[in-house]
Protein backbone atom coordinates (compact mmCIF):
# COMPACT_ATOMS: atom_id res chain seq x y z
CA MET A 1 215.10 -51.04 87.92
CA LEU A 2 215.72 -47.72 89.46
CA ASP A 3 213.52 -44.82 88.07
CA LEU A 4 214.97 -41.29 88.92
CA ASN A 5 211.43 -39.97 89.38
CA ASP A 6 211.25 -42.27 92.39
CA PHE A 7 214.12 -40.39 93.78
CA ARG A 8 212.45 -37.09 92.97
CA TYR A 9 209.48 -38.28 94.99
CA PHE A 10 211.45 -39.55 97.97
CA VAL A 11 213.32 -36.06 97.94
CA ARG A 12 209.98 -34.22 98.08
CA ILE A 13 208.72 -36.41 100.96
CA VAL A 14 211.61 -35.47 102.99
CA GLU A 15 211.45 -31.88 102.12
CA CYS A 16 207.69 -31.68 102.83
CA GLY A 17 207.91 -33.57 105.97
CA GLY A 18 205.51 -36.55 104.86
CA LEU A 19 203.68 -38.18 102.13
CA THR A 20 200.41 -36.32 102.61
CA ALA A 21 202.37 -32.93 102.08
CA ALA A 22 204.52 -34.21 99.28
CA SER A 23 201.40 -35.26 97.31
CA ARG A 24 199.90 -31.81 97.71
CA ASN A 25 203.05 -30.30 96.52
CA LEU A 26 203.43 -32.61 93.66
CA ASN A 27 199.83 -32.39 92.83
CA VAL A 28 199.25 -36.26 92.64
CA PRO A 29 197.20 -38.64 94.85
CA LYS A 30 199.08 -39.65 98.07
CA SER A 31 198.58 -43.37 96.80
CA THR A 32 200.92 -42.40 93.86
CA VAL A 33 203.62 -40.98 96.20
CA SER A 34 203.43 -44.23 98.58
CA HIS A 35 203.51 -46.42 95.45
CA ARG A 36 206.70 -44.58 94.15
CA LEU A 37 208.33 -44.78 97.62
CA GLN A 38 207.66 -48.50 97.88
CA GLN A 39 209.19 -48.93 94.51
CA LEU A 40 212.34 -47.09 95.45
CA GLU A 41 212.59 -49.00 98.78
CA THR A 42 212.28 -52.38 96.92
CA ALA A 43 214.80 -51.47 94.43
CA LEU A 44 217.32 -50.34 96.87
CA GLY A 45 216.42 -53.06 99.55
CA VAL A 46 215.97 -50.64 102.53
CA ARG A 47 213.23 -48.79 104.34
CA LEU A 48 213.63 -45.10 103.75
CA VAL A 49 210.76 -43.78 105.63
CA ASN A 50 209.15 -44.60 108.94
CA ARG A 51 205.39 -44.64 108.43
CA LEU A 52 202.94 -43.58 111.11
CA HIS A 53 199.23 -43.93 110.96
CA ALA A 54 197.15 -40.85 111.15
CA ASP A 55 195.26 -42.18 114.33
CA SER A 56 198.75 -42.82 116.28
CA ALA A 57 200.40 -39.52 115.73
């Protein structure tokens, strides 16, 4: 089931340029942002964000 808040988190990820910046902006843990993104991707059946490990950037 789609949750509109998951879309809000996704938009903030895009606006802020990443999960860490979005989590700071939303004042929630990065794990929460990541979980919400994963829920949205699962519901839609597509990967919305390419994830890079911090040590590979």
